[in-house]
């Protein structure tokens, strides 16, 4: 991964840890390595994955995973190219994130 300017308070080590390899899944869009899931409802999860093409990480995917009686699988999502990751991270200023943590401490798991 090339070094790109990161938002204040975000280290290269944090980004590299976020992009560390796990078990991949393959689709026509590339190879996806899941980084984590967030349960949002009984039938819906938000999934964060790395997207690999031609053997290198090209970006991140944030997708909805749906489990119902009629359908189980990925729904809509968004792709963030690796080159745009710093701009994406700038959408979440550290002070705003800290304010959210302070406002909703019950949402933060230790």
N, C-alpha and C. Protein backbone atom coordinates (compact mmCIF):
# COMPACT_ATOMS: atom_id res chain seq x y z
N UNK A 1 0.84 -1.17 0.00
CA UNK A 1 0.00 0.00 0.00
C UNK A 1 0.88 1.23 0.00
N UNK A 2 0.57 2.18 -0.84
CA UNK A 2 1.35 3.40 -0.89
C UNK A 2 0.95 4.30 0.27
N UNK A 3 1.90 5.10 0.73
CA UNK A 3 1.60 6.04 1.81
C UNK A 3 0.85 7.22 1.22
N UNK A 4 -0.32 7.49 1.78
CA UNK A 4 -1.15 8.61 1.35
C UNK A 4 -1.46 9.46 2.58
N UNK A 5 -1.75 10.74 2.41
CA UNK A 5 -2.07 11.58 3.57
C UNK A 5 -3.30 11.03 4.30
N UNK A 6 -3.19 10.92 5.60
CA UNK A 6 -4.28 10.39 6.41
C UNK A 6 -4.84 11.49 7.31
N UNK A 7 -6.10 11.35 7.73
CA UNK A 7 -6.67 12.35 8.63
C UNK A 7 -5.88 12.41 9.94
N UNK A 8 -5.94 13.55 10.59
CA UNK A 8 -5.28 13.72 11.88
C UNK A 8 -5.79 12.66 12.84
N UNK A 9 -4.88 12.00 13.54
CA UNK A 9 -5.25 10.98 14.51
C UNK A 9 -5.35 9.59 13.94
N UNK A 10 -5.25 9.42 12.62
CA UNK A 10 -5.29 8.10 11.98
C UNK A 10 -3.87 7.76 11.54
N UNK A 11 -3.36 6.62 12.01
CA UNK A 11 -1.99 6.23 11.68
C UNK A 11 -1.97 5.24 10.53
N UNK A 12 -0.82 5.18 9.87
CA UNK A 12 -0.63 4.20 8.80
C UNK A 12 -0.81 2.78 9.36
N UNK A 13 -0.34 2.55 10.58
CA UNK A 13 -0.47 1.24 11.21
C UNK A 13 -1.94 0.86 11.38
N UNK A 14 -2.79 1.82 11.75
CA UNK A 14 -4.22 1.54 11.89
C UNK A 14 -4.83 1.15 10.55
N UNK A 15 -4.46 1.87 9.50
CA UNK A 15 -4.98 1.55 8.17
C UNK A 15 -4.50 0.17 7.74
N UNK A 16 -3.22 -0.14 7.96
CA UNK A 16 -2.68 -1.45 7.58
C UNK A 16 -3.35 -2.56 8.36
N UNK A 17 -3.64 -2.32 9.65
CA UNK A 17 -4.34 -3.33 10.45
C UNK A 17 -5.75 -3.54 9.89
N UNK A 18 -6.41 -2.45 9.50
CA UNK A 18 -7.75 -2.54 8.91
C UNK A 18 -7.72 -3.37 7.64
N UNK A 19 -6.65 -3.24 6.89
CA UNK A 19 -6.55 -3.92 5.61
C UNK A 19 -5.83 -5.27 5.70
N UNK A 20 -5.62 -5.78 6.92
CA UNK A 20 -4.94 -7.07 7.06
C UNK A 20 -5.80 -8.18 6.47
N UNK A 21 -5.14 -9.25 6.02
CA UNK A 21 -5.83 -10.31 5.30
C UNK A 21 -6.62 -11.23 6.21
N UNK A 22 -7.78 -11.66 5.73
CA UNK A 22 -8.61 -12.69 6.35
C UNK A 22 -9.07 -13.60 5.23
N UNK A 23 -10.00 -14.51 5.52
CA UNK A 23 -10.47 -15.46 4.52
C UNK A 23 -11.26 -14.74 3.43
N UNK A 24 -10.85 -14.90 2.15
CA UNK A 24 -11.52 -14.17 1.07
C UNK A 24 -12.73 -14.90 0.49
N UNK A 25 -13.61 -14.16 -0.14
CA UNK A 25 -14.67 -14.72 -0.98
C UNK A 25 -14.44 -14.12 -2.36
N UNK A 26 -14.79 -14.84 -3.40
CA UNK A 26 -14.52 -14.41 -4.76
C UNK A 26 -15.83 -14.17 -5.49
N UNK A 27 -15.88 -13.08 -6.26
CA UNK A 27 -17.03 -12.81 -7.12
C UNK A 27 -16.50 -12.27 -8.44
N UNK A 28 -17.40 -11.95 -9.33
CA UNK A 28 -16.99 -11.40 -10.62
C UNK A 28 -16.37 -10.00 -10.46
N UNK A 29 -16.61 -9.38 -9.32
CA UNK A 29 -16.07 -8.04 -9.05
C UNK A 29 -14.65 -8.10 -8.50
N UNK A 30 -14.20 -9.28 -8.09
CA UNK A 30 -12.87 -9.43 -7.50
C UNK A 30 -12.93 -10.36 -6.31
N UNK A 31 -11.87 -10.35 -5.54
CA UNK A 31 -11.79 -11.17 -4.34
C UNK A 31 -12.06 -10.28 -3.13
N UNK A 32 -12.97 -10.71 -2.27
CA UNK A 32 -13.37 -9.92 -1.11
C UNK A 32 -12.85 -10.59 0.16
N UNK A 33 -12.16 -9.83 1.00
CA UNK A 33 -11.69 -10.32 2.28
C UNK A 33 -12.45 -9.58 3.37
N UNK A 34 -13.28 -10.30 4.08
CA UNK A 34 -14.13 -9.68 5.09
C UNK A 34 -13.30 -9.20 6.27
N UNK A 35 -13.56 -7.95 6.69
CA UNK A 35 -12.87 -7.36 7.83
C UNK A 35 -13.74 -7.35 9.07
N UNK A 36 -15.06 -7.29 8.89
CA UNK A 36 -15.95 -7.27 10.04
C UNK A 36 -17.40 -7.11 9.64
N UNK A 37 -18.28 -7.40 10.62
CA UNK A 37 -19.73 -7.30 10.42
C UNK A 37 -20.36 -6.57 11.59
N UNK A 38 -21.43 -5.86 11.30
CA UNK A 38 -22.20 -5.15 12.30
C UNK A 38 -23.66 -5.55 12.13
N UNK A 39 -24.24 -6.17 13.15
CA UNK A 39 -25.65 -6.58 13.11
C UNK A 39 -26.50 -5.34 13.29
N UNK A 40 -27.36 -5.02 12.31
CA UNK A 40 -28.20 -3.82 12.39
C UNK A 40 -29.65 -4.14 12.72
N UNK A 41 -30.14 -5.28 12.23
CA UNK A 41 -31.48 -5.78 12.59
C UNK A 41 -31.37 -7.29 12.70
N UNK A 42 -32.49 -7.94 13.03
CA UNK A 42 -32.47 -9.40 13.12
C UNK A 42 -32.09 -10.05 11.80
N UNK A 43 -32.38 -9.38 10.68
CA UNK A 43 -32.14 -9.99 9.38
C UNK A 43 -31.09 -9.27 8.53
N UNK A 44 -30.45 -8.24 9.08
CA UNK A 44 -29.53 -7.44 8.28
C UNK A 44 -28.21 -7.19 9.02
N UNK A 45 -27.12 -7.30 8.26
CA UNK A 45 -25.79 -6.97 8.77
C UNK A 45 -25.12 -6.03 7.77
N UNK A 46 -24.24 -5.19 8.28
CA UNK A 46 -23.38 -4.38 7.42
C UNK A 46 -22.02 -5.07 7.41
N UNK A 47 -21.46 -5.31 6.22
CA UNK A 47 -20.20 -6.05 6.08
C UNK A 47 -19.14 -5.14 5.45
N UNK A 48 -17.99 -5.06 6.11
CA UNK A 48 -16.85 -4.31 5.60
C UNK A 48 -15.84 -5.31 5.05
N UNK A 49 -15.45 -5.14 3.78
CA UNK A 49 -14.52 -6.06 3.12
C UNK A 49 -13.49 -5.30 2.32
N UNK A 50 -12.31 -5.90 2.20
CA UNK A 50 -11.30 -5.42 1.26
C UNK A 50 -11.64 -6.01 -0.10
N UNK A 51 -11.33 -5.30 -1.16
CA UNK A 51 -11.54 -5.78 -2.52
C UNK A 51 -10.18 -5.92 -3.19
N UNK A 52 -9.86 -7.16 -3.61
CA UNK A 52 -8.60 -7.44 -4.30
C UNK A 52 -8.87 -7.70 -5.76
N UNK A 53 -8.05 -7.12 -6.61
CA UNK A 53 -8.06 -7.42 -8.04
C UNK A 53 -6.61 -7.54 -8.47
N UNK A 54 -6.32 -8.50 -9.28
CA UNK A 54 -4.96 -8.72 -9.78
C UNK A 54 -3.95 -8.83 -8.64
N UNK A 55 -4.37 -9.43 -7.53
CA UNK A 55 -3.45 -9.72 -6.44
C UNK A 55 -3.16 -8.59 -5.48
N UNK A 56 -3.79 -7.42 -5.65
CA UNK A 56 -3.53 -6.33 -4.71
C UNK A 56 -4.85 -5.69 -4.27
N UNK A 57 -4.81 -5.12 -3.08
CA UNK A 57 -6.00 -4.46 -2.55
C UNK A 57 -6.29 -3.21 -3.36
N UNK A 58 -7.52 -3.13 -3.87
CA UNK A 58 -7.91 -1.99 -4.70
C UNK A 58 -8.87 -1.05 -3.98
N UNK A 59 -9.48 -1.52 -2.85
CA UNK A 59 -10.41 -0.66 -2.14
C UNK A 59 -11.18 -1.41 -1.09
N UNK A 60 -12.19 -0.75 -0.55
CA UNK A 60 -13.05 -1.32 0.48
C UNK A 60 -14.49 -1.39 -0.03
N UNK A 61 -15.21 -2.37 0.44
CA UNK A 61 -16.62 -2.52 0.12
C UNK A 61 -17.41 -2.50 1.43
N UNK A 62 -18.46 -1.69 1.47
CA UNK A 62 -19.39 -1.68 2.60
C UNK A 62 -20.72 -2.14 2.03
N UNK A 63 -21.16 -3.34 2.45
CA UNK A 63 -22.35 -3.96 1.85
C UNK A 63 -23.34 -4.39 2.91
N UNK A 64 -24.58 -4.51 2.48
CA UNK A 64 -25.63 -5.04 3.33
C UNK A 64 -25.73 -6.54 3.08
N UNK A 65 -25.81 -7.35 4.16
CA UNK A 65 -26.03 -8.79 4.04
C UNK A 65 -27.38 -9.09 4.66
N UNK A 66 -28.25 -9.73 3.87
CA UNK A 66 -29.64 -9.94 4.25
C UNK A 66 -29.91 -11.43 4.45
N UNK A 67 -30.64 -11.76 5.52
CA UNK A 67 -31.04 -13.14 5.78
C UNK A 67 -32.55 -13.16 6.01
N UNK A 68 -33.29 -13.70 5.03
CA UNK A 68 -34.75 -13.85 5.17
C UNK A 68 -35.14 -15.24 4.71
N UNK A 69 -36.42 -15.56 4.82
CA UNK A 69 -36.91 -16.85 4.34
C UNK A 69 -36.76 -16.98 2.83
N UNK A 70 -36.90 -15.88 2.11
CA UNK A 70 -36.86 -15.92 0.65
C UNK A 70 -35.49 -15.63 0.06
N UNK A 71 -34.61 -14.94 0.80
CA UNK A 71 -33.31 -14.57 0.25
C UNK A 71 -32.27 -14.47 1.35
N UNK A 72 -31.10 -15.00 1.07
CA UNK A 72 -29.95 -14.83 1.94
C UNK A 72 -28.77 -14.49 1.05
N UNK A 73 -28.17 -13.34 1.31
CA UNK A 73 -27.03 -12.92 0.51
C UNK A 73 -26.82 -11.44 0.59
N UNK A 74 -25.89 -10.97 -0.23
CA UNK A 74 -25.54 -9.55 -0.23
C UNK A 74 -26.56 -8.73 -0.99
N UNK A 75 -26.85 -7.57 -0.44
CA UNK A 75 -27.71 -6.59 -1.08
C UNK A 75 -26.87 -5.44 -1.58
N UNK A 76 -27.42 -4.27 -1.50
CA UNK A 76 -26.72 -3.08 -2.00
C UNK A 76 -25.50 -2.76 -1.16
N UNK A 77 -24.55 -2.10 -1.79
CA UNK A 77 -23.34 -1.71 -1.09
C UNK A 77 -22.67 -0.55 -1.79
N UNK A 78 -21.54 -0.16 -1.24
CA UNK A 78 -20.76 0.92 -1.81
C UNK A 78 -19.30 0.48 -1.85
N UNK A 79 -18.61 0.89 -2.91
CA UNK A 79 -17.20 0.58 -3.10
C UNK A 79 -16.40 1.85 -2.95
N UNK A 80 -15.34 1.81 -2.14
CA UNK A 80 -14.46 2.95 -1.95
C UNK A 80 -13.09 2.58 -2.49
N UNK A 81 -12.66 3.17 -3.61
CA UNK A 81 -11.33 2.88 -4.14
C UNK A 81 -10.26 3.25 -3.11
N UNK A 82 -9.20 2.48 -3.07
CA UNK A 82 -8.12 2.71 -2.11
C UNK A 82 -7.58 4.13 -2.21
N UNK A 83 -7.49 4.65 -3.41
CA UNK A 83 -6.98 6.02 -3.60
C UNK A 83 -7.89 7.05 -2.95
N UNK A 84 -9.18 6.74 -2.80
CA UNK A 84 -10.14 7.66 -2.19
C UNK A 84 -10.33 7.45 -0.70
N UNK A 85 -9.65 6.45 -0.12
CA UNK A 85 -9.82 6.14 1.29
C UNK A 85 -9.48 7.33 2.20
N UNK A 86 -8.39 8.06 1.97
CA UNK A 86 -8.13 9.22 2.83
C UNK A 86 -9.27 10.25 2.81
N UNK A 87 -9.81 10.53 1.62
CA UNK A 87 -10.93 11.47 1.53
C UNK A 87 -12.15 10.93 2.27
N UNK A 88 -12.38 9.63 2.16
CA UNK A 88 -13.50 9.00 2.88
C UNK A 88 -13.30 9.13 4.39
N UNK A 89 -12.08 8.87 4.87
CA UNK A 89 -11.81 8.96 6.30
C UNK A 89 -11.94 10.39 6.80
N UNK A 90 -11.67 11.37 5.94
CA UNK A 90 -11.83 12.77 6.33
C UNK A 90 -13.29 13.13 6.59
N UNK A 91 -14.22 12.31 6.13
CA UNK A 91 -15.63 12.54 6.42
C UNK A 91 -15.95 12.31 7.89
N UNK A 92 -15.04 11.64 8.61
CA UNK A 92 -15.24 11.30 10.01
C UNK A 92 -14.14 11.93 10.87
N UNK A 93 -14.19 13.25 11.07
CA UNK A 93 -13.16 13.90 11.87
C UNK A 93 -13.07 13.30 13.26
N UNK A 94 -11.86 13.20 13.78
CA UNK A 94 -11.62 12.56 15.07
C UNK A 94 -12.47 13.20 16.16
N UNK A 95 -12.59 14.54 16.16
CA UNK A 95 -13.38 15.22 17.20
C UNK A 95 -14.84 14.82 17.12
N UNK A 96 -15.38 14.67 15.89
CA UNK A 96 -16.78 14.26 15.73
C UNK A 96 -16.98 12.83 16.22
N UNK A 97 -16.01 11.96 15.93
CA UNK A 97 -16.11 10.57 16.40
C UNK A 97 -16.05 10.52 17.92
N UNK A 98 -15.16 11.30 18.53
CA UNK A 98 -15.06 11.33 19.99
C UNK A 98 -16.35 11.87 20.59
N UNK A 99 -16.95 12.89 19.96
CA UNK A 99 -18.21 13.44 20.43
C UNK A 99 -19.31 12.38 20.39
N UNK A 100 -19.33 11.57 19.32
CA UNK A 100 -20.32 10.50 19.21
C UNK A 100 -20.12 9.46 20.31
N UNK A 101 -18.85 9.13 20.59
CA UNK A 101 -18.55 8.16 21.66
C UNK A 101 -18.99 8.72 23.01
N UNK A 102 -18.72 10.00 23.25
CA UNK A 102 -19.10 10.63 24.51
C UNK A 102 -20.61 10.74 24.66
N UNK A 103 -21.31 10.99 23.55
CA UNK A 103 -22.76 11.14 23.57
C UNK A 103 -23.48 9.81 23.75
N UNK A 104 -22.92 8.74 23.15
CA UNK A 104 -23.57 7.43 23.18
C UNK A 104 -22.62 6.37 23.75
N UNK A 105 -22.22 6.50 25.03
CA UNK A 105 -21.25 5.56 25.60
C UNK A 105 -21.75 4.12 25.61
N UNK A 106 -23.06 3.94 25.67
CA UNK A 106 -23.61 2.58 25.68
C UNK A 106 -23.39 1.86 24.36
N UNK A 107 -23.11 2.61 23.30
CA UNK A 107 -22.88 2.01 21.98
C UNK A 107 -21.44 1.53 21.82
N UNK A 108 -20.56 1.94 22.70
CA UNK A 108 -19.15 1.59 22.60
C UNK A 108 -18.88 0.36 23.46
N UNK A 109 -18.33 -0.67 22.81
CA UNK A 109 -17.99 -1.89 23.54
C UNK A 109 -16.52 -1.88 23.86
N UNK A 110 -16.17 -2.21 25.08
CA UNK A 110 -14.75 -2.27 25.47
C UNK A 110 -14.11 -3.55 25.04
